[in-house]
PDB file of N, CA and C in Angstrom:
ATOM      1  N   MET A   1      28.328  97.439   0.332  1.00  0.00           N
ATOM      2  CA  MET A   1      26.823  97.135   0.668  1.00  0.00           C
ATOM      3  C   MET A   1      25.953  96.294   0.120  1.00  0.00           C
ATOM      4  N   SER A   2      25.453  95.018   0.533  1.00  0.00           N
ATOM      5  CA  SER A   2      24.534  94.442  -0.601  1.00  0.00           C
ATOM      6  C   SER A   2      22.710  94.543  -0.263  1.00  0.00           C
ATOM      7  N   ASP A   3      22.604  94.151  -0.985  1.00  0.00           N
ATOM      8  CA  ASP A   3      21.002  94.354  -0.840  1.00  0.00           C
ATOM      9  C   ASP A   3      20.511  93.285  -0.045  1.00  0.00           C
ATOM     10  N   ASP A   4      19.275  93.499   0.976  1.00  0.00           N
ATOM     11  CA  ASP A   4      18.959  92.649   1.670  1.00  0.00           C
ATOM     12  C   ASP A   4      17.615  91.886   0.868  1.00  0.00           C
ATOM     13  N   VAL A   5      17.553  92.215  -0.182  1.00  0.00           N
ATOM     14  CA  VAL A   5      16.588  91.510  -0.982  1.00  0.00           C
ATOM     15  C   VAL A   5      17.121  90.015  -1.489  1.00  0.00           C
ATOM     16  N   ASP A   6      16.116  89.250  -0.825  1.00  0.00           N
ATOM     17  CA  ASP A   6      16.782  87.495  -1.201  1.00  0.00           C
ATOM     18  C   ASP A   6      16.060  87.411  -3.055  1.00  0.00           C
ATOM     19  N   PRO A   7      17.029  87.318  -4.030  1.00  0.00           N
ATOM     20  CA  PRO A   7      16.535  86.958  -5.535  1.00  0.00           C
ATOM     21  C   PRO A   7      15.805  85.716  -5.378  1.00  0.00           C
ATOM     22  N   THR A   8      15.361  84.745  -4.534  1.00  0.00           N
ATOM     23  CA  THR A   8      15.188  83.526  -4.753  1.00  0.00           C
ATOM     24  C   THR A   8      13.866  83.860  -4.643  1.00  0.00           C
ATOM     25  N   SER A   9      13.300  84.619  -3.744  1.00  0.00           N
ATOM     26  CA  SER A   9      11.839  84.797  -3.346  1.00  0.00           C
ATOM     27  C   SER A   9      11.124  85.783  -4.173  1.00  0.00           C
ATOM     28  N   ALA A  10      10.310  84.903  -4.743  1.00  0.00           N
ATOM     29  CA  ALA A  10       9.290  85.156  -5.837  1.00  0.00           C
ATOM     30  C   ALA A  10       8.013  85.998  -5.580  1.00  0.00           C
ATOM     31  N   ALA A  11       7.399  86.957  -6.135  1.00  0.00           N
ATOM     32  CA  ALA A  11       6.218  87.441  -5.819  1.00  0.00           C
ATOM     33  C   ALA A  11       5.016  86.328  -5.602  1.00  0.00           C
ATOM     34  N   PRO A  12       4.108  86.975  -4.671  1.00  0.00           N
ATOM     35  CA  PRO A  12       3.190  86.030  -4.701  1.00  0.00           C
ATOM     36  C   PRO A  12       2.452  85.816  -5.757  1.00  0.00           C
ATOM     37  N   ASP A  13       1.832  84.801  -5.900  1.00  0.00           N
ATOM     38  CA  ASP A  13       1.047  84.207  -7.229  1.00  0.00           C
ATOM     39  C   ASP A  13      -0.472  84.894  -7.037  1.00  0.00           C
ATOM     40  N   PRO A  14      -0.737  85.997  -8.096  1.00  0.00           N
ATOM     41  CA  PRO A  14      -2.236  86.249  -8.038  1.00  0.00           C
ATOM     42  C   PRO A  14      -3.194  85.368  -7.889  1.00  0.00           C
ATOM     43  N   ASP A  15      -2.982  84.124  -9.040  1.00  0.00           N
ATOM     44  CA  ASP A  15      -3.910  83.298  -8.752  1.00  0.00           C
ATOM     45  C   ASP A  15      -4.563  82.629  -7.711  1.00  0.00           C
ATOM     46  N   ASP A  16      -2.868  82.429  -6.645  1.00  0.00           N
ATOM     47  CA  ASP A  16      -3.521  81.885  -5.291  1.00  0.00           C
ATOM     48  C   ASP A  16      -4.235  82.627  -4.242  1.00  0.00           C
ATOM     49  N   HIS A  17      -3.880  84.003  -4.413  1.00  0.00           N
ATOM     50  CA  HIS A  17      -4.616  84.886  -3.839  1.00  0.00           C
ATOM     51  C   HIS A  17      -6.054  85.008  -3.910  1.00  0.00           C
ATOM     52  N   VAL A  18      -6.451  85.086  -5.316  1.00  0.00           N
ATOM     53  CA  VAL A  18      -7.703  84.997  -5.843  1.00  0.00           C
ATOM     54  C   VAL A  18      -8.322  83.726  -5.524  1.00  0.00           C
ATOM     55  N   ALA A  19      -7.814  82.637  -5.616  1.00  0.00           N
ATOM     56  CA  ALA A  19      -8.423  81.193  -5.080  1.00  0.00           C
ATOM     57  C   ALA A  19      -8.898  81.216  -3.664  1.00  0.00           C
ATOM     58  N   ARG A  20      -7.680  81.696  -2.979  1.00  0.00           N
ATOM     59  CA  ARG A  20      -7.992  81.690  -1.278  1.00  0.00           C
ATOM     60  C   ARG A  20      -9.265  82.736  -0.915  1.00  0.00           C
ATOM     61  N   LEU A  21      -8.978  83.903  -1.999  1.00  0.00           N
ATOM     62  CA  LEU A  21     -10.328  84.668  -1.359  1.00  0.00           C
ATOM     63  C   LEU A  21     -11.547  83.924  -2.079  1.00  0.00           C
ATOM     64  N   GLN A  22     -11.888  83.301  -2.872  1.00  0.00           N
ATOM     65  CA  GLN A  22     -13.011  82.394  -3.594  1.00  0.00           C
ATOM     66  C   GLN A  22     -13.298  81.523  -2.500  1.00  0.00           C
ATOM     67  N   ALA A  23     -12.393  80.780  -1.750  1.00  0.00           N
ATOM     68  CA  ALA A  23     -12.773  79.650  -1.121  1.00  0.00           C
ATOM     69  C   ALA A  23     -13.093  80.784   0.160  1.00  0.00           C
ATOM     70  N   GLU A  24     -13.018  81.591   0.745  1.00  0.00           N
ATOM     71  CA  GLU A  24     -13.725  82.136   1.915  1.00  0.00           C
ATOM     72  C   GLU A  24     -14.846  82.418   1.436  1.00  0.00           C
ATOM     73  N   ILE A  25     -15.018  83.122   0.117  1.00  0.00           N
ATOM     74  CA  ILE A  25     -16.459  83.498  -0.285  1.00  0.00           C
ATOM     75  C   ILE A  25     -17.176  82.201  -0.089  1.00  0.00           C
ATOM     76  N   ASP A  26     -17.128  81.124  -1.111  1.00  0.00           N
ATOM     77  CA  ASP A  26     -17.678  79.688  -0.826  1.00  0.00           C
ATOM     78  C   ASP A  26     -17.977  79.387   0.643  1.00  0.00           C
ATOM     79  N   ALA A  27     -16.798  79.365   1.326  1.00  0.00           N
ATOM     80  CA  ALA A  27     -17.524  79.112   2.908  1.00  0.00           C
ATOM     81  C   ALA A  27     -18.489  79.957   3.269  1.00  0.00           C
ATOM     82  N   VAL A  28     -18.330  81.382   3.365  1.00  0.00           N
ATOM     83  CA  VAL A  28     -19.397  82.083   3.451  1.00  0.00           C
ATOM     84  C   VAL A  28     -20.762  81.789   3.304  1.00  0.00           C
ATOM     85  N   LYS A  29     -20.841  81.752   1.710  1.00  0.00           N
ATOM     86  CA  LYS A  29     -21.975  81.190   1.026  1.00  0.00           C
ATOM     87  C   LYS A  29     -22.484  79.977   1.629  1.00  0.00           C
ATOM     88  N   ALA A  30     -22.024  79.052   2.023  1.00  0.00           N
ATOM     89  CA  ALA A  30     -22.416  77.940   2.402  1.00  0.00           C
ATOM     90  C   ALA A  30     -22.763  77.814   3.652  1.00  0.00           C
ATOM     91  N   ARG A  31     -22.219  78.497   4.583  1.00  0.00           N
ATOM     92  CA  ARG A  31     -22.830  79.028   5.904  1.00  0.00           C
ATOM     93  C   ARG A  31     -23.942  79.734   5.988  1.00  0.00           C
ATOM     94  N   ARG A  32     -24.226  80.656   5.120  1.00  0.00           N
ATOM     95  CA  ARG A  32     -25.470  81.416   4.642  1.00  0.00           C
ATOM     96  C   ARG A  32     -26.660  80.492   4.581  1.00  0.00           C
ATOM     97  N   ALA A  33     -26.190  79.306   3.490  1.00  0.00           N
ATOM     98  CA  ALA A  33     -27.064  78.710   3.162  1.00  0.00           C
ATOM     99  C   ALA A  33     -27.881  77.541   4.499  1.00  0.00           C
ATOM    100  N   GLY A  34     -26.909  77.561   5.063  1.00  0.00           N
ATOM    101  CA  GLY A  34     -27.176  76.330   6.262  1.00  0.00           C
ATOM    102  C   GLY A  34     -27.967  77.319   7.134  1.00  0.00           C
ATOM    103  N   TYR A  35     -27.927  78.615   7.430  1.00  0.00           N
ATOM    104  CA  TYR A  35     -28.548  79.545   8.094  1.00  0.00           C
ATOM    105  C   TYR A  35     -30.175  79.778   7.649  1.00  0.00           C
ATOM    106  N   ARG A  36     -30.101  79.947   6.343  1.00  0.00           N
ATOM    107  CA  ARG A  36     -31.551  79.896   5.558  1.00  0.00           C
ATOM    108  C   ARG A  36     -32.095  78.846   5.813  1.00  0.00           C
ATOM    109  N   ALA A  37     -31.643  77.536   5.735  1.00  0.00           N
ATOM    110  CA  ALA A  37     -32.381  76.320   5.577  1.00  0.00           C
ATOM    111  C   ALA A  37     -33.128  76.264   6.995  1.00  0.00           C
ATOM    112  N   ALA A  38     -31.989  76.447   8.130  1.00  0.00           N
ATOM    113  CA  ALA A  38     -32.483  76.302   9.603  1.00  0.00           C
ATOM    114  C   ALA A  38     -33.830  77.194  10.038  1.00  0.00           C
ATOM    115  N   ALA A  39     -33.616  78.440   9.233  1.00  0.00           N
ATOM    116  CA  ALA A  39     -34.693  79.649   9.343  1.00  0.00           C
ATOM    117  C   ALA A  39     -36.002  78.715   8.596  1.00  0.00           C
ATOM    118  N   ALA A  40     -35.941  78.562   7.924  1.00  0.00           N
ATOM    119  CA  ALA A  40     -36.780  77.617   6.807  1.00  0.00           C
ATOM    120  C   ALA A  40     -37.506  76.616   7.705  1.00  0.00           C
ATOM    121  N   GLU A  41     -36.693  75.692   8.220  1.00  0.00           N
ATOM    122  CA  GLU A  41     -37.235  74.744   9.082  1.00  0.00           C
ATOM    123  C   GLU A  41     -38.101  75.479  10.282  1.00  0.00           C
ATOM    124  N   SER A  42     -37.552  76.138  11.094  1.00  0.00           N
ATOM    125  CA  SER A  42     -38.195  77.202  12.119  1.00  0.00           C
ATOM    126  C   SER A  42     -39.395  77.470  11.837  1.00  0.00           C
ATOM    127  N   VAL A  43     -39.777  77.998  10.323  1.00  0.00           N
ATOM    128  CA  VAL A  43     -41.018  78.642  10.064  1.00  0.00           C
ATOM    129  C   VAL A  43     -41.612  77.700   9.888  1.00  0.00           C
ATOM    130  N   ALA A  44     -41.337  76.891   9.496  1.00  0.00           N
ATOM    131  CA  ALA A  44     -42.118  75.537   8.755  1.00  0.00           C
ATOM    132  C   ALA A  44     -42.811  74.500  10.390  1.00  0.00           C
ATOM    133  N   ARG A  45     -41.901  74.734  11.131  1.00  0.00           N
ATOM    134  CA  ARG A  45     -42.184  74.332  12.857  1.00  0.00           C
ATOM    135  C   ARG A  45     -43.659  75.382  12.975  1.00  0.00           C
ATOM    136  N   GLY A  46     -43.619  76.332  12.615  1.00  0.00           N
ATOM    137  CA  GLY A  46     -44.545  77.444  13.191  1.00  0.00           C
ATOM    138  C   GLY A  46     -43.461  78.524  14.359  1.00  0.00           C
ATOM    139  N   GLY A  47     -42.606  78.551  13.830  1.00  0.00           N
ATOM    140  CA  GLY A  47     -41.769  79.826  14.542  1.00  0.00           C
ATOM    141  C   GLY A  47     -40.711  79.126  15.898  1.00  0.00           C
ATOM    142  N   PRO A  48     -40.068  79.928  16.286  1.00  0.00           N
ATOM    143  CA  PRO A  48     -38.640  79.049  17.354  1.00  0.00           C
ATOM    144  C   PRO A  48     -39.434  78.780  18.336  1.00  0.00           C
ATOM    145  N   LYS A  49     -38.794  77.668  19.191  1.00  0.00           N
ATOM    146  CA  LYS A  49     -39.420  77.206  20.115  1.00  0.00           C
ATOM    147  C   LYS A  49     -39.147  78.491  21.398  1.00  0.00           C
ATOM    148  N   ARG A  50     -40.404  78.720  21.982  1.00  0.00           N
ATOM    149  CA  ARG A  50     -40.233  79.253  22.986  1.00  0.00           C
ATOM    150  C   ARG A  50     -39.509  78.777  24.096  1.00  0.00           C
ATOM    151  N   ALA A  51     -38.599  79.773  24.797  1.00  0.00           N
ATOM    152  CA  ALA A  51     -37.901  78.803  26.330  1.00  0.00           C
ATOM    153  C   ALA A  51     -38.835  78.923  27.154  1.00  0.00           C
ATOM    154  N   THR A  52     -39.042  77.736  28.134  1.00  0.00           N
ATOM    155  CA  THR A  52     -39.543  77.532  29.093  1.00  0.00           C
ATOM    156  C   THR A  52     -39.462  78.797  30.204  1.00  0.00           C
ATOM    157  N   ASP A  53     -40.221  79.177  31.169  1.00  0.00           N
ATOM    158  CA  ASP A  53     -40.088  80.065  32.177  1.00  0.00           C
ATOM    159  C   ASP A  53     -38.739  79.311  33.328  1.00  0.00           C
ATOM    160  N   GLU A  54     -38.618  78.183  33.161  1.00  0.00           N
ATOM    161  CA  GLU A  54     -37.654  77.729  33.904  1.00  0.00           C
ATOM    162  C   GLU A  54     -36.180  78.028  33.531  1.00  0.00           C
ATOM    163  N   GLU A  55     -36.190  77.743  32.119  1.00  0.00           N
ATOM    164  CA  GLU A  55     -34.864  77.726  31.399  1.00  0.00           C
ATOM    165  C   GLU A  55     -34.752  79.542  31.546  1.00  0.00           C
ATOM    166  N   LEU A  56     -35.460  80.174  31.500  1.00  0.00           N
ATOM    167  CA  LEU A  56     -35.082  81.755  31.414  1.00  0.00           C
ATOM    168  C   LEU A  56     -35.087  82.055  32.827  1.00  0.00           C
ATOM    169  N   GLY A  57     -35.136  81.287  33.829  1.00  0.00           N
ATOM    170  CA  GLY A  57     -35.094  81.677  35.249  1.00  0.00           C
ATOM    171  C   GLY A  57     -36.000  82.308  36.028  1.00  0.00           C
ATOM    172  N   ILE A  58     -37.274  82.394  35.358  1.00  0.00           N
ATOM    173  CA  ILE A  58     -38.145  82.759  36.029  1.00  0.00           C
ATOM    174  C   ILE A  58     -38.666  81.749  36.901  1.00  0.00           C
ATOM    175  N   ILE A  59     -38.849  82.486  38.344  1.00  0.00           N
ATOM    176  CA  ILE A  59     -39.351  81.629  39.356  1.00  0.00           C
ATOM    177  C   ILE A  59     -41.104  82.229  40.102  1.00  0.00           C
ATOM    178  N   LYS A  60     -41.984  81.333  39.706  1.00  0.00           N
ATOM    179  CA  LYS A  60     -43.126  81.632  40.030  1.00  0.00           C
ATOM    180  C   LYS A  60     -43.629  81.307  41.324  1.00  0.00           C
ATOM    181  N   THR A  61     -44.181  81.973  41.999  1.00  0.00           N
ATOM    182  CA  THR A  61     -44.447  81.931  43.776  1.00  0.00           C
ATOM    183  C   THR A  61     -45.812  82.078  43.697  1.00  0.00           C
ATOM    184  N   ASP A  62     -46.539  82.097  44.719  1.00  0.00           N
ATOM    185  CA  ASP A  62     -48.090  82.535  44.980  1.00  0.00           C
ATOM    186  C   ASP A  62     -48.125  83.528  46.048  1.00  0.00           C
ATOM    187  N   ASP A  63     -46.842  84.363  45.933  1.00  0.00           N
ATOM    188  CA  ASP A  63     -46.967  85.194  46.923  1.00  0.00           C
ATOM    189  C   ASP A  63     -47.384  86.707  46.089  1.00  0.00           C
ATOM    190  N   THR A  64     -48.431  87.390  46.641  1.00  0.00           N
ATOM    191  CA  THR A  64     -48.971  88.248  46.279  1.00  0.00           C
ATOM    192  C   THR A  64     -48.953  89.612  47.006  1.00  0.00           C
ATOM    193  N   VAL A  65     -49.282  90.624  46.769  1.00  0.00           N
ATOM    194  CA  VAL A  65     -49.000  91.530  47.846  1.00  0.00           C
ATOM    195  C   VAL A  65     -49.700  91.582  48.845  1.00  0.00           C
ATOM    196  N   GLY A  66     -51.102  90.924  48.532  1.00  0.00           N
ATOM    197  CA  GLY A  66     -52.349  90.854  49.680  1.00  0.00           C
ATOM    198  C   GLY A  66     -51.503  89.594  50.619  1.00  0.00           C
ATOM    199  N   LYS A  67     -50.701  88.435  49.914  1.00  0.00           N
ATOM    200  CA  LYS A  67     -50.429  87.111  50.900  1.00  0.00           C
ATOM    201  C   LYS A  67     -49.354  88.063  51.670  1.00  0.00           C
ATOM    202  N   ILE A  68     -48.479  88.499  51.012  1.00  0.00           N
ATOM    203  CA  ILE A  68     -47.407  89.460  52.029  1.00  0.00           C
ATOM    204  C   ILE A  68     -48.045  90.034  53.223  1.00  0.00           C
ATOM    205  N   ALA A  69     -48.535  90.972  52.767  1.00  0.00           N
ATOM    206  CA  ALA A  69     -49.516  92.038  53.817  1.00  0.00           C
ATOM    207  C   ALA A  69     -49.874  91.286  54.606  1.00  0.00           C
ATOM    208  N   ALA A  70     -50.724  89.878  54.579  1.00  0.00           N
ATOM    209  CA  ALA A  70     -51.205  89.028  55.453  1.00  0.00           C
ATOM    210  C   ALA A  70     -50.243  88.739  56.324  1.00  0.00           C
ATOM    211  N   ASP A  71     -49.323  88.076  55.654  1.00  0.00           N
ATOM    212  CA  ASP A  71     -48.039  87.229  56.679  1.00  0.00           C
ATOM    213  C   ASP A  71     -47.834  88.131  57.406  1.00  0.00           C
ATOM    214  N   ALA A  72     -47.368  89.457  57.022  1.00  0.00           N
ATOM    215  CA  ALA A  72     -46.715  90.476  57.858  1.00  0.00           C
ATOM    216  C   ALA A  72     -47.279  90.905  58.921  1.00  0.00           C
ATOM    217  N   SER A  73     -48.787  90.934  58.634  1.00  0.00           N
ATOM    218  CA  SER A  73     -49.676  91.592  59.761  1.00  0.00           C
ATOM    219  C   SER A  73     -49.798  90.296  60.769  1.00  0.00           C
ATOM    220  N   HIS A  74     -49.974  89.329  60.278  1.00  0.00           N
ATOM    221  CA  HIS A  74     -49.758  87.933  61.377  1.00  0.00           C
ATOM    222  C   HIS A  74     -48.681  87.921  62.245  1.00  0.00           C
ATOM    223  N   ASP A  75     -47.635  87.962  61.586  1.00  0.00           N
ATOM    224  CA  ASP A  75     -46.523  88.121  62.328  1.00  0.00           C
ATOM    225  C   ASP A  75     -46.214  89.580  63.188  1.00  0.00           C
ATOM    226  N   ILE A  76     -46.733  90.576  63.205  1.00  0.00           N
ATOM    227  CA  ILE A  76     -46.878  91.767  63.877  1.00  0.00           C
ATOM    228  C   ILE A  76     -47.844  91.397  64.934  1.00  0.00           C
ATOM    229  N   GLU A  77     -49.068  90.758  64.711  1.00  0.00           N
ATOM    230  CA  GLU A  77     -49.833  90.524  65.702  1.00  0.00           C
ATOM    231  C   GLU A  77     -49.302  89.372  66.617  1.00  0.00           C
ATOM    232  N   SER A  78     -48.500  88.414  66.479  1.00  0.00           N
ATOM    233  CA  SER A  78     -48.045  87.685  67.422  1.00  0.00           C
ATOM    234  C   SER A  78     -46.821  88.016  68.169  1.00  0.00           C
ATOM    235  N   LYS A  79     -46.525  88.874  67.601  1.00  0.00           N
ATOM    236  CA  LYS A  79     -45.019  89.584  68.301  1.00  0.00           C
ATOM    237  C   LYS A  79     -46.120  90.308  69.480  1.00  0.00           C
ATOM    238  N   LEU A  80     -46.798  91.152  68.947  1.00  0.00           N
ATOM    239  CA  LEU A  80     -47.658  92.389  69.857  1.00  0.00           C
ATOM    240  C   LEU A  80     -48.132  91.659  70.942  1.00  0.00           C
ATOM    241  N   SER A  81     -48.597  90.603  70.535  1.00  0.00           N
ATOM    242  CA  SER A  81     -49.301  89.594  71.469  1.00  0.00           C
ATOM    243  C   SER A  81     -48.310  89.292  72.705  1.00  0.00           C
ATOM    244  N   ARG A  82     -47.482  88.845  72.198  1.00  0.00           N
ATOM    245  CA  ARG A  82     -46.267  88.411  73.507  1.00  0.00           C
ATOM    246  C   ARG A  82     -45.977  89.490  73.971  1.00  0.00           C
ATOM    247  N   VAL A  83     -45.899  90.569  73.725  1.00  0.00           N
ATOM    248  CA  VAL A  83     -45.390  91.587  74.674  1.00  0.00           C
ATOM    249  C   VAL A  83     -46.511  92.004  75.077  1.00  0.00           C
ATOM    250  N   MET A  84     -47.724  92.304  74.967  1.00  0.00           N
ATOM    251  CA  MET A  84     -48.870  92.711  75.715  1.00  0.00           C
ATOM    252  C   MET A  84     -48.916  91.379  77.064  1.00  0.00           C
ATOM    253  N   SER A  85     -48.666  90.189  76.643  1.00  0.00           N
ATOM    254  CA  SER A  85     -48.654  89.152  77.662  1.00  0.00           C
ATOM    255  C   SER A  85     -47.844  89.268  78.597  1.00  0.00           C
ATOM    256  N   ARG A  86     -46.546  89.866  78.218  1.00  0.00           N
ATOM    257  CA  ARG A  86     -45.611  90.202  79.810  1.00  0.00           C
ATOM    258  C   ARG A  86     -46.054  91.438  80.502  1.00  0.00           C
ATOM    259  N   PHE A  87     -46.526  92.288  79.713  1.00  0.00           N
ATOM    260  CA  PHE A  87     -47.206  93.252  80.738  1.00  0.00           C
ATOM    261  C   PHE A  87     -48.224  92.916  81.616  1.00  0.00           C
ATOM    262  N   ARG A  88     -49.065  91.858  81.141  1.00  0.00           N
ATOM    263  CA  ARG A  88     -50.099  91.501  82.086  1.00  0.00           C
ATOM    264  C   ARG A  88     -49.778  90.569  83.110  1.00  0.00           C
ATOM    265  N   ARG A  89     -48.686  90.025  82.757  1.00  0.00           N
ATOM    266  CA  ARG A  89     -48.191  89.030  83.982  1.00  0.00           C
ATOM    267  C   ARG A  89     -46.684  90.167  84.733  1.00  0.00           C
ATOM    268  N   GLY A  90     -47.015  91.425  84.618  1.00  0.00           N
ATOM    269  CA  GLY A  90     -46.028  92.162  85.318  1.00  0.00           C
ATOM    270  C   GLY A  90     -44.816  92.225  84.517  1.00  0.00           C
ATOM    271  N   GLY A  91     -44.644  91.928  83.374  1.00  0.00           N
ATOM    272  CA  GLY A  91     -43.184  92.051  82.825  1.00  0.00           C
ATOM    273  C   GLY A  91     -42.276  90.830  83.441  1.00  0.00           C
ATOM    274  N   LYS A  92     -42.926  89.829  83.862  1.00  0.00           N
ATOM    275  CA  LYS A  92     -41.909  88.494  83.839  1.00  0.00           C
ATOM    276  C   LYS A  92     -41.932  87.838  83.044  1.00  0.00           C
ATOM    277  N   LYS A  93     -40.939  87.071  82.452  1.00  0.00           N
ATOM    278  CA  LYS A  93     -40.982  85.846  81.412  1.00  0.00           C
ATOM    279  C   LYS A  93     -41.608  84.915  81.449  1.00  0.00           C
TER     280      LYS A  93
END
């Protein structure tokens, strides 16, 4: 029975592994520096830009409770007036 180990394959080089890790660390540090620069720029402008109501999906209308109640009252009054007029005419349309 032969061994399944390939004698030509060498163990990974620890220096290569350390170099890859160092490259990852450097990339993270560069990203962090970019985030810090963006934050400093935002603070210099007076803080982050506030999203508009339109961007947030907020819809402003002039419908207040009083206006809605007045509209409903008008609608009910109109329907009641039509029903009453039918009774005055003897139920004919």
